[in-house]
Structures are given as C-alpha cells and as structure tokens.
Amino acid sequence: MHYITPLALPSLADKALPHAGNAQLVTAALIGIALIVALITWLKLHPFLALAIGAVTVGLIAKLGAADTVASFVKGFGATMGSVGILIGFGAMFGKLLADSGGADQIVDTLVGRAGPRALPWVMGLVGAIIGLPMFFEIGVVLLMPVILLVATRSRLPLMSIAIPALAGLSAMHGLVPPHPGPLVAVAALKADLGLTLGLGVLVAVPTVILAGPLFGKLAARWVNVPVPELFSAPDQGEQDNAAGDVKESKPRPSFAATLATILLPVVLMLGSAVVDVVSPKSGGELKKVLDVLGTPPVALGIALIVGMLVLGRGGRMTREAVSATMSNALPPIAGILLIVGAGGGFKQVLVDTGIADTIANAIRDSSLPVLLLAWFVAALIRVATGSATVATVTASGILAPVAASLTNSHVSLMVLAIGAGSLFLSHVNDAGFWMVKEYLRIDVAQTLKSWTVMECIISLAGLAGVLALSVIV
C-alpha cells in the first residue's frame, strides 16, 4: 500500500522470525496469491472473503499457526482501517461534497475548457504529481477520483487515458521524490543528503511520469475499455453540451479559486509539516508540534472536509439539510471498498508475520549485483512478496545501510531512489492499494492487472533506468 503511518510502519525490533523453511514460505505466498485470484475470477467470490481465505491458507502452509494467523489478519485489517479506512471515509464525504456543491464541475469545466482533449492526460499527470508530492497515496486518490471521473465523462475520453496519468503522478511522487514520507524513510536510514535526493528525484520522476502516465494511458485505454463508473453523481449530459463547450448551470457553484484552495488545503498542511520536520527535526517548539498535528493525514483531510462544508456548501448555496444529506449519502457506496482494502491489509500482515521479507533479505544480502541494481532488486522482491511498500523500503534500507556508508553523496541519494522505485514494483492482490484502485474504477481483477499493475511496473523500471543513467553522470 502506498502509505507510511505510525500504525503501518514496522519497527526493526518487531521483525517476524520465519516459521517455516525458505522454500515453504515462498510456496505459501505463491499458493495464497494464486488462490485469491482463482476464487475471485473463477468462482466469482467476493474479494473480501477471498482475501480472508487466502490469508488463512498462507498462514497455515507457512506454519504460522491457526490462532496466530487469525490474529495477524485481524491486526493487519485493524491497522489498515485505522489509517486508510478513516481517510477513505473522509475522502468519500469530501468527494461527494465536491460533486453535490458543483465544485468538481467547476474544476472540470476549467480543465476541459482550457486544456483541450489532447492535453488533458498531460494535465492530469501534472495534477496527480502536485497533489502527490506531500500526500499519502490514498488521500490523493480520494481527492482526485471525483475529478478523474468527471473529466472522463465531460471530455468523452476513455477512462484509463485520464485515470492512469493522474495515478502515475501520485505513485511516482510516492516512490521517488521527498518530502513524501516514502523516500524520507530511506533518506533517514541511509543518511542521504535530502536536497540532493530531492533534485535527483525530480530528474528521474519527470520522464517516469510521462512514460507511465500519458503515454501508457493511451495503451491502457485500449486494453481496458470500460465506461466511467457512477461512484459520484455526474452532471446530466443533456444539460451540458461537451462538444460545443456550452454549460447550462442549473444551480450556483463555488468559484474555481475557492474549490481549488479547499482541495489543496490538506496538501499545504501536510507539506508544511514535512518541511518543518526536514528543516528542524528535533526542535521547533510549539509551532512544530501544532504543524505535526495539523499535518497528520486524518487531521489534514478532516480539516479540509470541515472547511469544504462551509466554503463549498456556501458557494453551492446548499442548506444545512442538504450538506447533512450529502455526508450521509457518501458513506454507503464505500462500505465494500473499506472491507476489501482492510482485508488486503490483513493478507499483507500475514505475509509479513510469516517472515518471508527476512527470508528474501537474507538470501540476497551477499549478492554480487551492482549496488544500485541490488537496492532496487531487494525492495522489489520484498514488495512483491509482502505487498507493502513500507516493509520493502524499511527492510531494503536496513540491509543496504552499511554499503551506503562507503558511497559518495550522489550515489547514496541514487540508492534512495533505487529503493523507492523497487518498492513500487508489481502491485497485485496482496496490496491494499490494488483493491482500492480496482473498486474506485469499478474494474475487475484482470483489468486492474492490465492497467494499474502494468503502470506500477513501468514506474518502477523507468525509475530504475533513470537512476542507472544518472549514476554514470553524477
């Protein structure tokens, strides 16, 4: 999953010890993943139940024990709900408020009107990157999803040509560019220069987003040609003539500036907290404490929701009853998403607790691969095995910290980026983010693999290629 929170970040002291042999752990993981895919695609079982069955199967084969397997699944489910679940709930309310107040329409009309159909995928990639710079992935998704869906509806462009660029911008920032929390973990562990890592990260991220976003989006739109889902209420097409650019407003809307400011409020709060942490990590007094609280993801999004109720509600001339109805109506559609994402977190935790991450780390600790390629490879293997970018980043950074001590400043920064790129590789059924994207876009498992998973692989491999290219120059 694309997030690092106190609930989700494992301490190095709490690492799981393997309960079975190396071959048995790998076999357990493969069987569990294959079982989940078969249950969903062949038996048409609900993903929530399939993930639970897959988690129990992995735990039993890996000799984790029945009781410990259930406890591990519950722990992962609870940790995911404690972090991501709150954000999805607030995000759903915020997205519904954007739609019902007319704020999303205002943003979309501006984007569609000024960018034009050919430029829209590029604009969405830029928007995703800006939102994703300080933002946890799931917050970026819930903030952007109503805009993605309405842009696709209004522009009449294929859904994937709009969604993939925005998601690529979010994901690339997560893995490659501090002050996003992901790269900051590796920066701290490897004692890299933050400013240098930031500069090199931008150099790698820009071509990566272009390749995985607008360019791959064209191909993804052919592979996954699906209608725009009605997760948020879209305006009636009879009232809005997209081709002619004529928009007949049936009710007042918030201004573009007010809507944009409300959307960017959590971005500013989280970015402010991140900047203060970087500038003065151990000092700062009361201001730092206040910003740390305000920049906490649930707090930042909660504040944005409250401000949105006032600003967007007033701009759309919504009554208190209308705002209350919007808040209530936003939650029922996401019940299934919450359960599936939580179960994905539970399955990930079972994999982590079997000790498979440590098994992989120990197996390649003494590898003779070039150091930057090794950094990517370690992170990628652990990511694929556990479904957690957090575990991949922390584990790979811990393994490679002694090696980093002997490198130049520039190559330590490139190692941070290599680990970040590897931590994004091959998101699949053990990643709660996989299920989040699947459910929001209302696509099936195969379609998610052909779009989201391939996009993540492109980001990871393009990021690695950029790192290796820069290593020749710097």
Protein backbone atom coordinates (compact mmCIF):
# COMPACT_ATOMS: atom_id res chain seq x y z
CA MET A 1 0.00 0.00 0.00
CA HIS A 2 1.15 3.50 -0.71
CA TYR A 3 1.36 4.89 2.76
CA ILE A 4 3.61 5.12 5.78
CA THR A 5 1.98 5.87 9.09
CA PRO A 6 2.82 5.15 12.72
CA LEU A 7 0.30 2.32 12.58
CA ALA A 8 1.76 0.77 9.46
CA LEU A 9 5.49 1.34 9.93
CA PRO A 10 7.09 -1.75 11.46
CA SER A 11 9.91 -1.26 13.92
CA LEU A 12 13.08 -3.16 13.23
CA ALA A 13 12.77 -4.72 16.69
CA ASP A 14 9.46 -6.30 15.78
CA LYS A 15 10.63 -8.18 12.70
CA ALA A 16 8.99 -11.55 12.28
CA LEU A 17 11.08 -14.70 12.53
CA PRO A 18 10.46 -17.31 9.82
CA HIS A 19 8.11 -20.08 10.98
CA ALA A 20 8.94 -22.44 8.11
CA GLY A 21 11.75 -23.17 5.67
CA ASN A 22 12.55 -20.73 2.91
CA ALA A 23 11.06 -22.87 0.15
CA GLN A 24 7.90 -23.43 2.16
CA LEU A 25 7.46 -19.70 2.79
CA VAL A 26 7.77 -18.89 -0.89
CA THR A 27 5.40 -21.75 -1.75
CA ALA A 28 2.88 -20.50 0.82
CA ALA A 29 2.93 -16.99 -0.65
CA LEU A 30 2.53 -18.24 -4.23
CA ILE A 31 -0.32 -20.59 -3.32
CA GLY A 32 -2.09 -17.86 -1.35
CA ILE A 33 -1.88 -15.35 -4.21
CA ALA A 34 -2.98 -17.92 -6.82
CA LEU A 35 -5.89 -19.00 -4.60
CA ILE A 36 -7.14 -15.43 -4.22
CA VAL A 37 -7.04 -14.83 -7.97
CA ALA A 38 -8.82 -18.14 -8.66
CA LEU A 39 -11.53 -17.52 -6.06
CA ILE A 40 -12.31 -14.08 -7.46
CA THR A 41 -12.03 -14.75 -11.18
CA TRP A 42 -13.21 -18.37 -11.41
CA LEU A 43 -15.63 -18.86 -8.51
CA LYS A 44 -16.68 -15.18 -8.57
CA LEU A 45 -16.23 -14.95 -4.80
CA HIS A 46 -16.31 -11.52 -3.20
CA PRO A 47 -12.73 -10.17 -2.82
CA PHE A 48 -13.19 -9.60 0.92
CA LEU A 49 -13.90 -13.28 1.53
CA ALA A 50 -11.27 -14.42 -0.99
CA LEU A 51 -8.57 -12.35 0.73
CA ALA A 52 -9.52 -13.75 4.13
CA ILE A 53 -9.38 -17.33 2.83
CA GLY A 54 -6.06 -16.65 1.09
CA ALA A 55 -4.57 -15.19 4.27
CA VAL A 56 -5.56 -18.21 6.36
CA THR A 57 -4.17 -20.55 3.71
CA VAL A 58 -0.81 -18.75 3.67
CA GLY A 59 -0.56 -18.79 7.45
CA LEU A 60 -1.30 -22.49 7.73
CA ILE A 61 1.11 -23.54 4.96
CA ALA A 62 3.83 -21.29 6.41
CA LYS A 63 3.31 -22.88 9.85
CA LEU A 64 2.29 -19.63 11.45
CA GLY A 65 -0.44 -21.49 13.31
CA ALA A 66 -4.21 -21.09 13.07
CA ALA A 67 -4.59 -18.76 16.06
CA ASP A 68 -1.61 -16.60 15.13
CA THR A 69 -2.78 -16.43 11.52
CA VAL A 70 -6.19 -15.12 12.55
CA ALA A 71 -4.58 -12.68 14.98
CA SER A 72 -2.20 -11.47 12.27
CA PHE A 73 -5.04 -10.97 9.79
CA VAL A 74 -7.08 -9.03 12.36
CA LYS A 75 -4.04 -6.92 13.25
CA GLY A 76 -3.41 -6.02 9.61
CA PHE A 77 -7.10 -5.34 8.99
CA GLY A 78 -7.30 -3.07 12.03
CA ALA A 79 -4.08 -1.19 11.21
CA THR A 80 -5.27 -0.57 7.67
CA MET A 81 -8.69 0.60 8.81
CA GLY A 82 -7.09 2.79 11.46
CA SER A 83 -5.10 4.62 8.82
CA VAL A 84 -6.59 4.13 5.37
CA GLY A 85 -10.18 3.49 6.46
CA ILE A 86 -10.54 6.88 8.13
CA LEU A 87 -9.06 8.58 5.09
CA ILE A 88 -11.37 6.76 2.68
CA GLY A 89 -14.37 7.77 4.80
CA PHE A 90 -13.36 11.43 4.94
CA GLY A 91 -12.37 11.32 1.29
CA ALA A 92 -15.71 9.89 0.21
CA MET A 93 -17.52 12.67 2.06
CA PHE A 94 -15.22 15.27 0.55
CA GLY A 95 -15.67 13.86 -2.95
CA LYS A 96 -19.45 13.76 -2.65
CA LEU A 97 -19.44 17.33 -1.35
CA LEU A 98 -17.33 18.39 -4.34
CA ALA A 99 -19.84 16.76 -6.67
CA ASP A 100 -23.04 17.95 -4.99
CA SER A 101 -21.89 21.54 -4.47
CA GLY A 102 -20.80 21.92 -8.09
CA GLY A 103 -17.15 22.39 -7.08
CA ALA A 104 -16.00 19.35 -9.04
CA ASP A 105 -17.91 20.64 -12.07
CA GLN A 106 -16.13 23.97 -11.74
CA ILE A 107 -12.69 22.33 -11.64
CA VAL A 108 -13.54 20.00 -14.52
CA ASP A 109 -15.01 22.75 -16.69
CA THR A 110 -11.85 24.79 -16.22
CA LEU A 111 -9.56 21.87 -17.02
CA VAL A 112 -11.57 20.70 -20.04
CA GLY A 113 -12.17 24.21 -21.32
CA ARG A 114 -8.58 25.39 -21.13
CA ALA A 115 -6.59 22.22 -21.74
CA GLY A 116 -8.39 20.57 -24.64
CA PRO A 117 -8.79 16.82 -25.17
CA ARG A 118 -5.21 16.16 -26.32
CA ALA A 119 -3.64 17.99 -23.40
CA LEU A 120 -5.94 16.61 -20.70
CA PRO A 121 -3.94 13.42 -19.96
CA TRP A 122 -0.80 15.55 -19.53
CA VAL A 123 -2.64 17.98 -17.28
CA MET A 124 -3.97 15.12 -15.17
CA GLY A 125 -0.44 13.72 -14.80
CA LEU A 126 0.76 17.12 -13.59
CA VAL A 127 -2.17 17.46 -11.19
CA GLY A 128 -1.51 13.99 -9.80
CA ALA A 129 2.17 14.80 -9.27
CA ILE A 130 1.44 18.09 -7.50
CA ILE A 131 -1.18 16.51 -5.25
CA GLY A 132 1.06 13.51 -4.63
CA LEU A 133 4.20 15.40 -3.59
CA PRO A 134 3.41 15.60 0.15
CA MET A 135 0.29 13.45 0.03
CA PHE A 136 -0.27 9.89 1.10
CA PHE A 137 -1.39 7.90 -1.92
CA GLU A 138 -4.86 7.09 -0.62
CA ILE A 139 -5.63 10.75 0.13
CA GLY A 140 -4.59 11.70 -3.37
CA VAL A 141 -6.87 9.01 -4.77
CA VAL A 142 -9.95 10.08 -2.82
CA LEU A 143 -9.34 13.75 -3.62
CA LEU A 144 -8.73 13.19 -7.32
CA MET A 145 -11.26 10.45 -8.04
CA PRO A 146 -14.31 12.74 -8.49
CA VAL A 147 -12.22 14.97 -10.76
CA ILE A 148 -10.93 11.98 -12.74
CA LEU A 149 -14.43 10.59 -13.26
CA LEU A 150 -15.97 13.92 -14.21
CA VAL A 151 -13.11 14.84 -16.57
CA ALA A 152 -13.52 11.48 -18.32
CA THR A 153 -17.29 11.98 -18.52
CA ARG A 154 -17.20 15.57 -19.71
CA SER A 155 -14.34 15.18 -22.19
CA ARG A 156 -15.67 11.88 -23.50
CA LEU A 157 -12.15 10.50 -23.39
CA PRO A 158 -11.55 6.88 -22.32
CA LEU A 159 -11.47 6.47 -18.54
CA MET A 160 -7.97 4.99 -18.46
CA SER A 161 -6.48 7.81 -20.54
CA ILE A 162 -7.47 10.16 -17.70
CA ALA A 163 -7.08 7.90 -14.65
CA ILE A 164 -3.68 6.39 -15.45
CA PRO A 165 -1.81 9.72 -15.79
CA ALA A 166 -3.24 11.02 -12.51
CA LEU A 167 -2.41 7.77 -10.69
CA ALA A 168 1.07 7.71 -12.24
CA GLY A 169 1.75 11.20 -10.92
CA LEU A 170 0.63 10.18 -7.44
CA SER A 171 2.59 6.93 -7.42
CA ALA A 172 5.84 8.31 -8.83
CA MET A 173 5.93 11.04 -6.19
CA HIS A 174 5.38 8.39 -3.53
CA GLY A 175 8.45 6.42 -4.50
CA LEU A 176 10.88 8.96 -5.90
CA VAL A 177 10.54 12.46 -4.51
CA PRO A 178 10.93 13.67 -0.92
CA PRO A 179 9.40 15.23 1.17
CA HIS A 180 6.94 12.44 0.51
CA PRO A 181 7.13 10.12 3.57
CA GLY A 182 8.24 7.11 1.50
CA PRO A 183 11.59 8.46 0.29
CA LEU A 184 12.13 10.18 3.66
CA VAL A 185 12.32 6.77 5.37
CA ALA A 186 15.18 5.73 3.11
CA VAL A 187 16.83 9.17 3.36
CA ALA A 188 16.95 8.85 7.15
CA ALA A 189 18.08 5.20 7.16
CA LEU A 190 20.88 5.72 4.62
CA LYS A 191 21.82 9.22 5.87
CA ALA A 192 21.41 10.68 2.41
CA ASP A 193 21.51 14.38 1.55
CA LEU A 194 17.87 15.46 1.37
CA GLY A 195 18.32 18.36 -1.05
CA LEU A 196 20.43 16.29 -3.45
CA THR A 197 17.94 13.40 -3.26
CA LEU A 198 15.09 15.81 -3.99
CA GLY A 199 16.84 17.23 -7.06
CA LEU A 200 17.80 13.84 -8.46
CA GLY A 201 14.33 12.51 -7.65
CA VAL A 202 12.69 15.21 -9.75
CA LEU A 203 15.03 14.43 -12.66
CA VAL A 204 14.01 10.77 -12.50
CA ALA A 205 10.32 11.39 -11.77
CA VAL A 206 9.53 13.71 -14.71
CA PRO A 207 10.28 11.27 -17.56
CA THR A 208 8.88 8.41 -15.45
CA VAL A 209 5.50 10.13 -15.07
CA ILE A 210 5.42 10.96 -18.78
CA LEU A 211 6.11 7.36 -19.76
CA ALA A 212 3.82 5.67 -17.22
CA GLY A 213 1.12 8.33 -17.40
CA PRO A 214 0.01 9.99 -20.67
CA LEU A 215 1.94 7.61 -22.93
CA PHE A 216 0.95 4.34 -21.28
CA GLY A 217 -2.54 5.72 -20.67
CA LYS A 218 -3.22 5.55 -24.41
CA LEU A 219 -2.35 1.85 -24.44
CA ALA A 220 -4.23 1.12 -21.20
CA ALA A 221 -7.34 2.73 -22.69
CA ARG A 222 -7.24 0.11 -25.48
CA TRP A 223 -6.58 -2.80 -23.13
CA VAL A 224 -9.20 -1.74 -20.58
CA ASN A 225 -12.01 0.00 -22.42
CA VAL A 226 -14.58 0.47 -19.65
CA PRO A 227 -17.33 3.03 -19.01
CA VAL A 228 -16.94 5.72 -16.38
CA PRO A 229 -18.40 4.41 -13.09
CA GLU A 230 -21.10 6.35 -11.28
CA LEU A 231 -19.42 6.42 -7.90
CA PHE A 232 -20.06 10.13 -7.70
CA SER A 233 -23.06 11.81 -9.24
CA ALA A 234 -22.04 13.23 -12.58
CA PRO A 235 -23.98 16.03 -14.26
CA ASP A 236 -26.66 15.13 -16.76
CA GLN A 237 -25.27 15.11 -20.27
CA GLY A 238 -28.45 16.63 -21.60
CA GLU A 239 -27.74 19.72 -19.52
CA GLN A 240 -24.14 20.09 -20.67
CA ASP A 241 -23.01 20.09 -24.27
CA ASN A 242 -19.40 18.98 -24.03
CA ALA A 243 -18.56 19.29 -27.70
CA ALA A 244 -19.78 22.85 -28.01
CA GLY A 245 -18.38 23.87 -24.63
CA ASP A 246 -21.83 25.10 -23.59
CA VAL A 247 -22.57 24.65 -19.92
CA LYS A 248 -26.03 25.42 -18.65
CA GLU A 249 -25.72 25.96 -14.94
CA SER A 250 -28.80 24.71 -13.15
CA LYS A 251 -27.56 25.93 -9.75
CA PRO A 252 -24.87 28.15 -8.25
CA ARG A 253 -21.35 26.83 -7.92
CA PRO A 254 -18.36 27.65 -5.75
CA SER A 255 -15.70 29.65 -7.54
CA PHE A 256 -12.74 27.88 -9.11
CA ALA A 257 -10.34 29.58 -6.69
CA ALA A 258 -12.36 28.58 -3.61
CA THR A 259 -12.71 24.99 -4.81
CA LEU A 260 -9.03 24.67 -5.67
CA ALA A 261 -7.99 26.17 -2.33
CA THR A 262 -10.18 23.66 -0.49
CA ILE A 263 -8.70 20.72 -2.42
CA LEU A 264 -5.16 21.94 -1.82
CA LEU A 265 -5.69 22.65 1.89
CA PRO A 266 -4.62 19.15 3.08
CA VAL A 267 -1.70 19.31 0.64
CA VAL A 268 -0.49 22.55 2.23
CA LEU A 269 -0.98 21.24 5.78
CA MET A 270 0.94 18.03 5.12
CA LEU A 271 3.66 19.81 3.13
CA GLY A 272 4.10 22.35 5.92
CA SER A 273 4.53 19.58 8.46
CA ALA A 274 7.02 17.76 6.22
CA VAL A 275 9.09 20.89 5.60
CA VAL A 276 9.30 21.68 9.32
CA ASP A 277 10.35 18.10 10.05
CA VAL A 278 13.11 18.38 7.46
CA VAL A 279 14.35 21.83 8.50
CA SER A 280 14.20 21.26 12.27
CA PRO A 281 13.58 17.58 13.03
CA LYS A 282 14.45 17.83 16.73
CA SER A 283 13.47 21.40 17.54
CA GLY A 284 10.87 23.95 16.60
CA GLY A 285 8.90 24.32 19.79
CA GLU A 286 5.16 24.69 19.90
CA LEU A 287 4.83 25.64 16.22
CA LYS A 288 6.36 22.33 15.18
CA LYS A 289 4.01 20.43 17.49
CA VAL A 290 1.00 22.23 16.05
CA LEU A 291 2.10 21.63 12.45
CA ASP A 292 2.84 17.98 13.20
CA VAL A 293 -0.73 17.53 14.40
CA LEU A 294 -2.30 19.53 11.56
CA GLY A 295 -0.18 17.64 9.01
CA THR A 296 -1.28 14.20 10.22
CA PRO A 297 -3.24 12.71 7.28
CA PRO A 298 -6.59 12.12 9.05
CA VAL A 299 -6.44 15.56 10.68
CA ALA A 300 -5.47 17.34 7.46
CA LEU A 301 -8.25 15.69 5.48
CA GLY A 302 -10.74 16.16 8.32
CA ILE A 303 -9.97 19.88 8.40
CA ALA A 304 -10.37 20.07 4.63
CA LEU A 305 -13.76 18.36 4.94
CA ILE A 306 -14.99 20.82 7.58
CA VAL A 307 -13.72 23.80 5.58
CA GLY A 308 -15.31 22.31 2.47
CA MET A 309 -18.68 22.04 4.20
CA LEU A 310 -18.51 25.78 4.84
CA VAL A 311 -16.84 27.05 1.67
CA LEU A 312 -18.26 24.63 -0.91
CA GLY A 313 -21.62 24.41 0.80
CA ARG A 314 -21.98 28.17 0.85
CA GLY A 315 -20.64 28.53 -2.70
CA GLY A 316 -23.17 25.98 -3.94
CA ARG A 317 -25.89 27.53 -1.76
CA MET A 318 -26.54 24.24 -0.05
CA THR A 319 -28.71 24.24 3.05
CA ARG A 320 -27.60 22.56 6.26
CA GLU A 321 -30.00 19.74 5.49
CA ALA A 322 -28.51 19.32 2.02
CA VAL A 323 -24.96 19.21 3.39
CA SER A 324 -26.02 16.66 6.01
CA ALA A 325 -27.68 14.52 3.33
CA THR A 326 -24.51 14.66 1.22
CA MET A 327 -22.41 13.45 4.16
CA SER A 328 -24.82 10.57 4.84
CA ASN A 329 -25.17 9.51 1.21
CA ALA A 330 -21.40 9.43 0.71
CA LEU A 331 -20.77 6.51 3.07
CA PRO A 332 -22.92 3.54 1.91
CA PRO A 333 -21.21 3.20 -1.51
CA ILE A 334 -17.77 2.79 0.09
CA ALA A 335 -18.66 0.00 2.56
CA GLY A 336 -17.42 -2.67 0.17
CA ILE A 337 -14.25 -0.70 -0.59
CA LEU A 338 -13.43 -0.41 3.11
CA LEU A 339 -13.82 -4.15 3.71
CA ILE A 340 -11.75 -5.10 0.67
CA VAL A 341 -8.94 -2.64 1.42
CA GLY A 342 -8.91 -3.79 5.06
CA ALA A 343 -8.73 -7.43 4.01
CA GLY A 344 -5.85 -6.57 1.68
CA GLY A 345 -4.05 -5.11 4.67
CA GLY A 346 -4.78 -8.25 6.67
CA PHE A 347 -3.39 -10.52 3.94
CA LYS A 348 -0.28 -8.34 3.72
CA GLN A 349 0.25 -8.62 7.50
CA VAL A 350 0.03 -12.42 7.42
CA LEU A 351 2.73 -12.46 4.73
CA VAL A 352 4.91 -10.14 6.81
CA ASP A 353 4.44 -12.17 10.00
CA THR A 354 5.46 -15.41 8.33
CA GLY A 355 8.94 -13.90 7.97
CA ILE A 356 9.11 -14.01 4.18
CA ALA A 357 10.60 -10.49 3.98
CA ASP A 358 13.53 -11.50 6.20
CA THR A 359 13.98 -14.71 4.21
CA ILE A 360 14.34 -12.75 0.97
CA ALA A 361 16.65 -10.22 2.60
CA ASN A 362 18.97 -12.89 4.00
CA ALA A 363 19.06 -14.77 0.70
CA ILE A 364 20.43 -11.84 -1.29
CA ARG A 365 22.37 -9.97 1.39
CA ASP A 366 25.73 -11.12 -0.02
CA SER A 367 24.80 -10.75 -3.69
CA SER A 368 27.44 -9.59 -6.17
CA LEU A 369 24.98 -7.43 -8.15
CA PRO A 370 25.88 -3.75 -8.72
CA VAL A 371 24.84 -1.85 -5.61
CA LEU A 372 22.09 0.31 -7.18
CA LEU A 373 20.59 -2.64 -9.02
CA LEU A 374 20.77 -4.66 -5.80
CA ALA A 375 18.95 -1.90 -3.90
CA TRP A 376 16.12 -1.96 -6.44
CA PHE A 377 16.05 -5.77 -6.53
CA VAL A 378 15.82 -6.17 -2.74
CA ALA A 379 12.98 -3.64 -2.46
CA ALA A 380 11.15 -5.11 -5.46
CA LEU A 381 11.29 -8.69 -4.17
CA ILE A 382 10.03 -7.74 -0.73
CA ARG A 383 7.32 -5.56 -2.27
CA VAL A 384 6.08 -8.40 -4.48
CA ALA A 385 6.19 -10.89 -1.62
CA THR A 386 4.50 -8.76 1.06
CA GLY A 387 2.50 -6.17 -0.89
CA SER A 388 3.88 -3.41 1.33
CA ALA A 389 5.97 -0.52 0.03
CA THR A 390 6.66 0.37 3.66
CA VAL A 391 8.14 -3.03 4.53
CA ALA A 392 10.12 -3.03 1.28
CA THR A 393 11.57 0.43 1.95
CA VAL A 394 12.44 -0.19 5.61
CA THR A 395 13.93 -3.64 5.01
CA ALA A 396 15.96 -2.70 1.93
CA SER A 397 17.29 0.44 3.64
CA GLY A 398 18.33 -1.58 6.69
CA ILE A 399 20.16 -4.16 4.58
CA LEU A 400 21.99 -1.59 2.46
CA ALA A 401 22.84 0.96 5.16
CA PRO A 402 26.37 -0.46 5.70
CA VAL A 403 27.00 -0.37 1.94
CA ALA A 404 25.75 3.22 1.69
CA ALA A 405 28.35 4.36 4.20
CA SER A 406 31.10 3.75 1.65
CA LEU A 407 29.39 5.54 -1.27
CA THR A 408 29.59 9.15 -2.45
CA ASN A 409 26.76 11.53 -1.52
CA SER A 410 25.29 11.39 -5.01
CA HIS A 411 25.24 7.59 -5.11
CA VAL A 412 23.67 7.38 -1.65
CA SER A 413 20.87 9.61 -2.96
CA LEU A 414 20.56 7.42 -6.04
CA MET A 415 20.33 4.37 -3.75
CA VAL A 416 17.37 6.02 -2.00
CA LEU A 417 15.68 6.44 -5.39
CA ALA A 418 16.50 2.86 -6.43
CA ILE A 419 14.86 1.56 -3.25
CA GLY A 420 11.86 3.82 -3.81
CA ALA A 421 11.47 2.60 -7.38
CA GLY A 422 11.74 -1.03 -6.29
CA SER A 423 9.12 -0.54 -3.58
CA LEU A 424 6.53 0.27 -6.28
CA PHE A 425 7.11 -2.81 -8.44
CA LEU A 426 4.27 -5.20 -9.40
CA SER A 427 1.35 -4.18 -7.20
CA HIS A 428 -1.04 -7.14 -7.15
CA VAL A 429 -3.59 -8.90 -4.96
CA ASN A 430 -1.58 -8.67 -1.73
CA ASP A 431 -1.52 -4.86 -1.96
CA ALA A 432 -4.45 -2.98 -0.43
CA GLY A 433 -3.80 -0.19 -2.95
CA PHE A 434 -4.55 -2.63 -5.78
CA TRP A 435 -8.03 -3.19 -4.37
CA MET A 436 -8.58 0.49 -3.71
CA VAL A 437 -7.95 1.39 -7.36
CA LYS A 438 -9.96 -1.60 -8.59
CA GLU A 439 -13.04 -0.70 -6.55
CA TYR A 440 -12.97 3.03 -7.26
CA LEU A 441 -12.71 2.48 -11.01
CA ARG A 442 -15.15 -0.47 -10.91
CA ILE A 443 -12.95 -2.80 -12.97
CA ASP A 444 -12.24 -6.49 -12.48
CA VAL A 445 -9.02 -8.15 -11.34
CA ALA A 446 -7.73 -8.86 -14.85
CA GLN A 447 -8.39 -5.27 -15.94
CA THR A 448 -6.65 -3.93 -12.83
CA LEU A 449 -3.61 -6.08 -13.59
CA LYS A 450 -3.52 -4.84 -17.20
CA SER A 451 -3.78 -1.18 -16.20
CA TRP A 452 -2.75 -0.36 -12.63
CA THR A 453 -0.22 -3.19 -12.17
CA VAL A 454 1.47 -2.59 -15.52
CA MET A 455 1.60 1.15 -14.75
CA GLU A 456 3.35 0.43 -11.43
CA CYS A 457 5.86 -1.81 -13.19
CA ILE A 458 6.59 0.91 -15.75
CA ILE A 459 7.15 3.47 -12.98
CA SER A 460 9.45 1.09 -11.14
CA LEU A 461 11.51 0.08 -14.18
CA ALA A 462 11.65 3.61 -15.62
CA GLY A 463 12.74 4.87 -12.20
CA LEU A 464 15.50 2.27 -12.10
CA ALA A 465 16.60 3.17 -15.63
CA GLY A 466 16.77 6.86 -14.64
CA VAL A 467 18.81 6.02 -11.55
CA LEU A 468 21.29 3.92 -13.50
CA ALA A 469 21.61 6.61 -16.18
CA LEU A 470 22.30 9.31 -13.60
CA SER A 471 24.86 7.08 -11.86
CA VAL A 472 27.04 7.33 -14.98
CA ILE A 473 26.91 11.12 -14.91
CA VAL A 474 26.99 12.14 -11.23
